[in-house]
PDB file of N, CA and C in Angstrom:
ATOM      1  N   MET A   1       0.810  -0.791   0.028  1.00  0.00           N
ATOM      2  CA  MET A   1      -0.380  -0.419  -0.176  1.00  0.00           C
ATOM      3  C   MET A   1       1.098   1.262   0.019  1.00  0.00           C
ATOM      4  N   THR A   2       1.884   1.349   0.767  1.00  0.00           N
ATOM      5  CA  THR A   2       2.837   2.376   0.561  1.00  0.00           C
ATOM      6  C   THR A   2       3.474   3.244  -0.188  1.00  0.00           C
ATOM      7  N   ILE A   3       4.099   1.604  -1.219  1.00  0.00           N
ATOM      8  CA  ILE A   3       4.453   1.537  -2.914  1.00  0.00           C
ATOM      9  C   ILE A   3       3.673   2.700  -3.410  1.00  0.00           C
ATOM     10  N   LEU A   4       2.454   1.810  -3.848  1.00  0.00           N
ATOM     11  CA  LEU A   4       1.403   2.715  -4.674  1.00  0.00           C
ATOM     12  C   LEU A   4       1.481   3.633  -3.685  1.00  0.00           C
ATOM     13  N   PHE A   5       1.158   4.452  -2.661  1.00  0.00           N
ATOM     14  CA  PHE A   5       1.125   5.863  -2.626  1.00  0.00           C
ATOM     15  C   PHE A   5       2.188   6.322  -2.503  1.00  0.00           C
ATOM     16  N   PHE A   6       3.255   6.395  -3.052  1.00  0.00           N
ATOM     17  CA  PHE A   6       5.164   6.623  -3.564  1.00  0.00           C
ATOM     18  C   PHE A   6       4.665   6.491  -5.565  1.00  0.00           C
ATOM     19  N   VAL A   7       3.970   6.238  -5.579  1.00  0.00           N
ATOM     20  CA  VAL A   7       3.990   5.909  -6.930  1.00  0.00           C
ATOM     21  C   VAL A   7       2.898   6.941  -7.190  1.00  0.00           C
ATOM     22  N   TYR A   8       1.626   6.685  -6.685  1.00  0.00           N
ATOM     23  CA  TYR A   8       1.111   7.827  -6.658  1.00  0.00           C
ATOM     24  C   TYR A   8       0.902   9.183  -6.792  1.00  0.00           C
ATOM     25  N   MET A   9       1.956  10.008  -5.725  1.00  0.00           N
ATOM     26  CA  MET A   9       2.843  10.531  -5.965  1.00  0.00           C
ATOM     27  C   MET A   9       3.721  11.424  -6.817  1.00  0.00           C
ATOM     28  N   ALA A  10       4.085  10.375  -6.936  1.00  0.00           N
ATOM     29  CA  ALA A  10       5.078  10.999  -9.059  1.00  0.00           C
ATOM     30  C   ALA A  10       4.498  10.803  -9.374  1.00  0.00           C
ATOM     31  N   PHE A  11       3.420  10.203  -9.807  1.00  0.00           N
ATOM     32  CA  PHE A  11       2.440  10.873 -10.713  1.00  0.00           C
ATOM     33  C   PHE A  11       1.336  11.972 -10.391  1.00  0.00           C
ATOM     34  N   GLY A  12       0.971  12.215  -9.811  1.00  0.00           N
ATOM     35  CA  GLY A  12       0.832  13.489  -8.995  1.00  0.00           C
ATOM     36  C   GLY A  12       1.413  14.555  -9.335  1.00  0.00           C
ATOM     37  N   TYR A  13       2.765  14.784  -9.128  1.00  0.00           N
ATOM     38  CA  TYR A  13       3.939  15.567  -9.152  1.00  0.00           C
ATOM     39  C   TYR A  13       3.720  15.921 -10.908  1.00  0.00           C
ATOM     40  N   TRP A  14       4.135  14.900 -11.555  1.00  0.00           N
ATOM     41  CA  TRP A  14       4.256  14.974 -12.730  1.00  0.00           C
ATOM     42  C   TRP A  14       2.802  15.528 -13.687  1.00  0.00           C
ATOM     43  N   ALA A  15       1.657  14.597 -13.383  1.00  0.00           N
ATOM     44  CA  ALA A  15       0.460  15.868 -14.169  1.00  0.00           C
ATOM     45  C   ALA A  15       0.748  17.370 -13.470  1.00  0.00           C
ATOM     46  N   THR A  16       0.911  17.340 -12.386  1.00  0.00           N
ATOM     47  CA  THR A  16       0.962  18.601 -12.280  1.00  0.00           C
ATOM     48  C   THR A  16       1.997  19.788 -12.829  1.00  0.00           C
ATOM     49  N   GLY A  17       2.908  19.452 -13.365  1.00  0.00           N
ATOM     50  CA  GLY A  17       4.125  20.401 -14.341  1.00  0.00           C
ATOM     51  C   GLY A  17       3.475  19.973 -15.896  1.00  0.00           C
ATOM     52  N   ARG A  18       2.593  18.986 -16.036  1.00  0.00           N
ATOM     53  CA  ARG A  18       1.883  18.900 -16.886  1.00  0.00           C
ATOM     54  C   ARG A  18       0.882  19.723 -17.237  1.00  0.00           C
ATOM     55  N   THR A  19      -0.050  19.940 -16.349  1.00  0.00           N
ATOM     56  CA  THR A  19      -1.018  20.825 -16.361  1.00  0.00           C
ATOM     57  C   THR A  19      -1.556  22.042 -15.679  1.00  0.00           C
ATOM     58  N   ILE A  20      -1.285  22.465 -13.855  1.00  0.00           N
ATOM     59  CA  ILE A  20      -0.941  23.071 -13.219  1.00  0.00           C
ATOM     60  C   ILE A  20       0.064  24.221 -14.193  1.00  0.00           C
ATOM     61  N   TYR A  21       1.432  24.085 -13.701  1.00  0.00           N
ATOM     62  CA  TYR A  21       2.304  24.421 -14.525  1.00  0.00           C
ATOM     63  C   TYR A  21       3.359  24.008 -15.809  1.00  0.00           C
ATOM     64  N   ALA A  22       2.339  23.682 -16.346  1.00  0.00           N
ATOM     65  CA  ALA A  22       2.931  23.956 -17.908  1.00  0.00           C
ATOM     66  C   ALA A  22       2.899  25.833 -18.607  1.00  0.00           C
ATOM     67  N   ASN A  23       4.321  26.344 -18.825  1.00  0.00           N
ATOM     68  CA  ASN A  23       4.594  27.154 -19.568  1.00  0.00           C
ATOM     69  C   ASN A  23       4.668  27.861 -18.236  1.00  0.00           C
ATOM     70  N   LYS A  24       4.706  27.888 -17.649  1.00  0.00           N
ATOM     71  CA  LYS A  24       4.772  29.073 -16.180  1.00  0.00           C
ATOM     72  C   LYS A  24       6.213  28.740 -15.777  1.00  0.00           C
ATOM     73  N   ILE A  25       6.937  30.045 -14.571  1.00  0.00           N
ATOM     74  CA  ILE A  25       7.859  30.548 -15.213  1.00  0.00           C
ATOM     75  C   ILE A  25       7.572  30.331 -13.235  1.00  0.00           C
ATOM     76  N   LEU A  26       8.429  29.511 -12.815  1.00  0.00           N
ATOM     77  CA  LEU A  26       8.119  29.381 -11.316  1.00  0.00           C
ATOM     78  C   LEU A  26       9.698  30.106 -10.337  1.00  0.00           C
ATOM     79  N   ILE A  27       8.885  30.767  -9.517  1.00  0.00           N
ATOM     80  CA  ILE A  27       9.867  31.672  -8.477  1.00  0.00           C
ATOM     81  C   ILE A  27      10.097  30.735  -7.841  1.00  0.00           C
ATOM     82  N   GLY A  28      11.729  30.731  -7.192  1.00  0.00           N
ATOM     83  CA  GLY A  28      11.945  30.364  -5.367  1.00  0.00           C
ATOM     84  C   GLY A  28      12.426  29.416  -5.503  1.00  0.00           C
ATOM     85  N   THR A  29      12.532  28.977  -4.532  1.00  0.00           N
ATOM     86  CA  THR A  29      13.952  27.633  -4.101  1.00  0.00           C
ATOM     87  C   THR A  29      13.906  26.653  -4.727  1.00  0.00           C
ATOM     88  N   GLY A  30      14.790  25.813  -4.982  1.00  0.00           N
ATOM     89  CA  GLY A  30      14.186  24.916  -5.376  1.00  0.00           C
ATOM     90  C   GLY A  30      13.603  24.221  -4.890  1.00  0.00           C
ATOM     91  N   MET A  31      13.707  23.551  -3.159  1.00  0.00           N
ATOM     92  CA  MET A  31      13.065  23.184  -2.755  1.00  0.00           C
ATOM     93  C   MET A  31      11.599  23.657  -2.966  1.00  0.00           C
ATOM     94  N   THR A  32      11.493  24.535  -2.453  1.00  0.00           N
ATOM     95  CA  THR A  32       9.528  25.119  -2.030  1.00  0.00           C
ATOM     96  C   THR A  32       9.171  25.314  -3.282  1.00  0.00           C
ATOM     97  N   ILE A  33       9.658  24.802  -4.267  1.00  0.00           N
ATOM     98  CA  ILE A  33       8.812  24.548  -5.684  1.00  0.00           C
ATOM     99  C   ILE A  33       8.081  23.068  -5.828  1.00  0.00           C
ATOM    100  N   PHE A  34       9.595  21.946  -5.041  1.00  0.00           N
ATOM    101  CA  PHE A  34       9.391  20.502  -6.033  1.00  0.00           C
ATOM    102  C   PHE A  34       8.465  20.273  -4.742  1.00  0.00           C
ATOM    103  N   MET A  35       8.311  20.987  -2.737  1.00  0.00           N
ATOM    104  CA  MET A  35       7.566  20.588  -2.119  1.00  0.00           C
ATOM    105  C   MET A  35       5.377  21.267  -2.242  1.00  0.00           C
ATOM    106  N   ARG A  36       6.027  22.457  -3.128  1.00  0.00           N
ATOM    107  CA  ARG A  36       4.616  23.097  -3.872  1.00  0.00           C
ATOM    108  C   ARG A  36       4.047  21.589  -5.034  1.00  0.00           C
ATOM    109  N   ARG A  37       4.622  21.641  -6.105  1.00  0.00           N
ATOM    110  CA  ARG A  37       4.114  20.472  -7.257  1.00  0.00           C
ATOM    111  C   ARG A  37       3.710  19.472  -6.464  1.00  0.00           C
ATOM    112  N   LEU A  38       4.540  18.936  -5.422  1.00  0.00           N
ATOM    113  CA  LEU A  38       4.687  17.495  -5.203  1.00  0.00           C
ATOM    114  C   LEU A  38       2.864  17.732  -3.918  1.00  0.00           C
ATOM    115  N   VAL A  39       2.510  18.898  -3.015  1.00  0.00           N
ATOM    116  CA  VAL A  39       1.921  19.149  -2.397  1.00  0.00           C
ATOM    117  C   VAL A  39       0.438  19.233  -3.080  1.00  0.00           C
ATOM    118  N   MET A  40      -0.073  19.649  -4.131  1.00  0.00           N
ATOM    119  CA  MET A  40      -0.489  20.110  -5.594  1.00  0.00           C
ATOM    120  C   MET A  40      -0.918  18.513  -6.158  1.00  0.00           C
ATOM    121  N   GLY A  41       0.390  18.180  -6.120  1.00  0.00           N
ATOM    122  CA  GLY A  41       0.323  16.251  -7.101  1.00  0.00           C
ATOM    123  C   GLY A  41      -0.861  15.086  -5.629  1.00  0.00           C
ATOM    124  N   THR A  42      -0.004  15.656  -5.194  1.00  0.00           N
ATOM    125  CA  THR A  42      -0.258  14.347  -3.865  1.00  0.00           C
ATOM    126  C   THR A  42      -1.788  14.794  -3.341  1.00  0.00           C
ATOM    127  N   ILE A  43      -2.279  15.943  -3.840  1.00  0.00           N
ATOM    128  CA  ILE A  43      -3.954  16.576  -3.705  1.00  0.00           C
ATOM    129  C   ILE A  43      -4.661  16.143  -4.431  1.00  0.00           C
ATOM    130  N   LEU A  44      -4.455  16.507  -5.120  1.00  0.00           N
ATOM    131  CA  LEU A  44      -5.189  17.166  -7.095  1.00  0.00           C
ATOM    132  C   LEU A  44      -5.008  15.663  -7.313  1.00  0.00           C
ATOM    133  N   GLY A  45      -4.090  14.981  -7.595  1.00  0.00           N
ATOM    134  CA  GLY A  45      -3.446  14.356  -8.292  1.00  0.00           C
ATOM    135  C   GLY A  45      -5.267  13.355  -9.241  1.00  0.00           C
ATOM    136  N   TRP A  46      -5.875  13.370  -8.131  1.00  0.00           N
ATOM    137  CA  TRP A  46      -7.375  12.188  -8.478  1.00  0.00           C
ATOM    138  C   TRP A  46      -7.495  12.502  -9.795  1.00  0.00           C
ATOM    139  N   ILE A  47      -7.383  13.843 -10.143  1.00  0.00           N
ATOM    140  CA  ILE A  47      -7.998  15.075 -11.387  1.00  0.00           C
ATOM    141  C   ILE A  47      -6.907  15.120 -11.301  1.00  0.00           C
ATOM    142  N   LEU A  48      -6.097  15.728 -12.271  1.00  0.00           N
ATOM    143  CA  LEU A  48      -4.706  15.778 -12.427  1.00  0.00           C
ATOM    144  C   LEU A  48      -3.990  15.243 -13.552  1.00  0.00           C
ATOM    145  N   ILE A  49      -3.527  13.905 -13.199  1.00  0.00           N
ATOM    146  CA  ILE A  49      -3.463  12.690 -13.124  1.00  0.00           C
ATOM    147  C   ILE A  49      -3.712  12.174 -14.703  1.00  0.00           C
ATOM    148  N   PRO A  50      -5.473  11.618 -14.712  1.00  0.00           N
ATOM    149  CA  PRO A  50      -6.115  12.040 -15.960  1.00  0.00           C
ATOM    150  C   PRO A  50      -5.904  13.130 -17.517  1.00  0.00           C
ATOM    151  N   ILE A  51      -6.421  14.085 -17.334  1.00  0.00           N
ATOM    152  CA  ILE A  51      -6.255  15.354 -17.596  1.00  0.00           C
ATOM    153  C   ILE A  51      -4.667  15.573 -19.201  1.00  0.00           C
ATOM    154  N   ALA A  52      -3.345  15.061 -17.867  1.00  0.00           N
ATOM    155  CA  ALA A  52      -2.264  14.985 -17.971  1.00  0.00           C
ATOM    156  C   ALA A  52      -2.489  13.484 -19.036  1.00  0.00           C
ATOM    157  N   VAL A  53      -2.923  13.274 -18.749  1.00  0.00           N
ATOM    158  CA  VAL A  53      -2.970  11.597 -20.432  1.00  0.00           C
ATOM    159  C   VAL A  53      -3.287  12.342 -20.849  1.00  0.00           C
ATOM    160  N   ILE A  54      -4.648  12.521 -21.050  1.00  0.00           N
ATOM    161  CA  ILE A  54      -5.060  12.841 -21.561  1.00  0.00           C
ATOM    162  C   ILE A  54      -4.259  14.257 -22.741  1.00  0.00           C
ATOM    163  N   LYS A  55      -3.595  15.044 -22.127  1.00  0.00           N
ATOM    164  CA  LYS A  55      -3.286  15.995 -22.693  1.00  0.00           C
ATOM    165  C   LYS A  55      -1.758  14.820 -23.604  1.00  0.00           C
ATOM    166  N   MET A  56      -1.021  13.924 -22.849  1.00  0.00           N
ATOM    167  CA  MET A  56      -0.020  13.796 -23.672  1.00  0.00           C
ATOM    168  C   MET A  56      -0.086  12.675 -24.346  1.00  0.00           C
ATOM    169  N   LEU A  57      -1.764  12.053 -24.519  1.00  0.00           N
ATOM    170  CA  LEU A  57      -2.528  11.644 -25.568  1.00  0.00           C
ATOM    171  C   LEU A  57      -2.911  11.536 -27.119  1.00  0.00           C
ATOM    172  N   LEU A  58      -3.438  13.613 -26.441  1.00  0.00           N
ATOM    173  CA  LEU A  58      -3.305  14.387 -27.526  1.00  0.00           C
ATOM    174  C   LEU A  58      -2.336  15.105 -28.184  1.00  0.00           C
ATOM    175  N   GLY A  59      -1.295  14.721 -27.924  1.00  0.00           N
ATOM    176  CA  GLY A  59      -0.259  15.447 -28.600  1.00  0.00           C
ATOM    177  C   GLY A  59      -0.682  17.659 -27.947  1.00  0.00           C
ATOM    178  N   LYS A  60      -0.968  17.647 -27.128  1.00  0.00           N
ATOM    179  CA  LYS A  60      -0.871  19.308 -26.783  1.00  0.00           C
ATOM    180  C   LYS A  60      -0.124  19.250 -25.296  1.00  0.00           C
TER     181      LYS A  60
END
């Protein structure tokens, strides 16, 4: 179960970069940017992951 949660967090982090933060310039320290994307991906991953996969498949 723990491994699935870490996989979910990784996919959420990826999906956040493909959706919310796509084409954005992020200002802050590397750790702040990483943690913000990780938290957003963990909380909103259930909706961001399908959207990111659809965007990837459609080539946008």
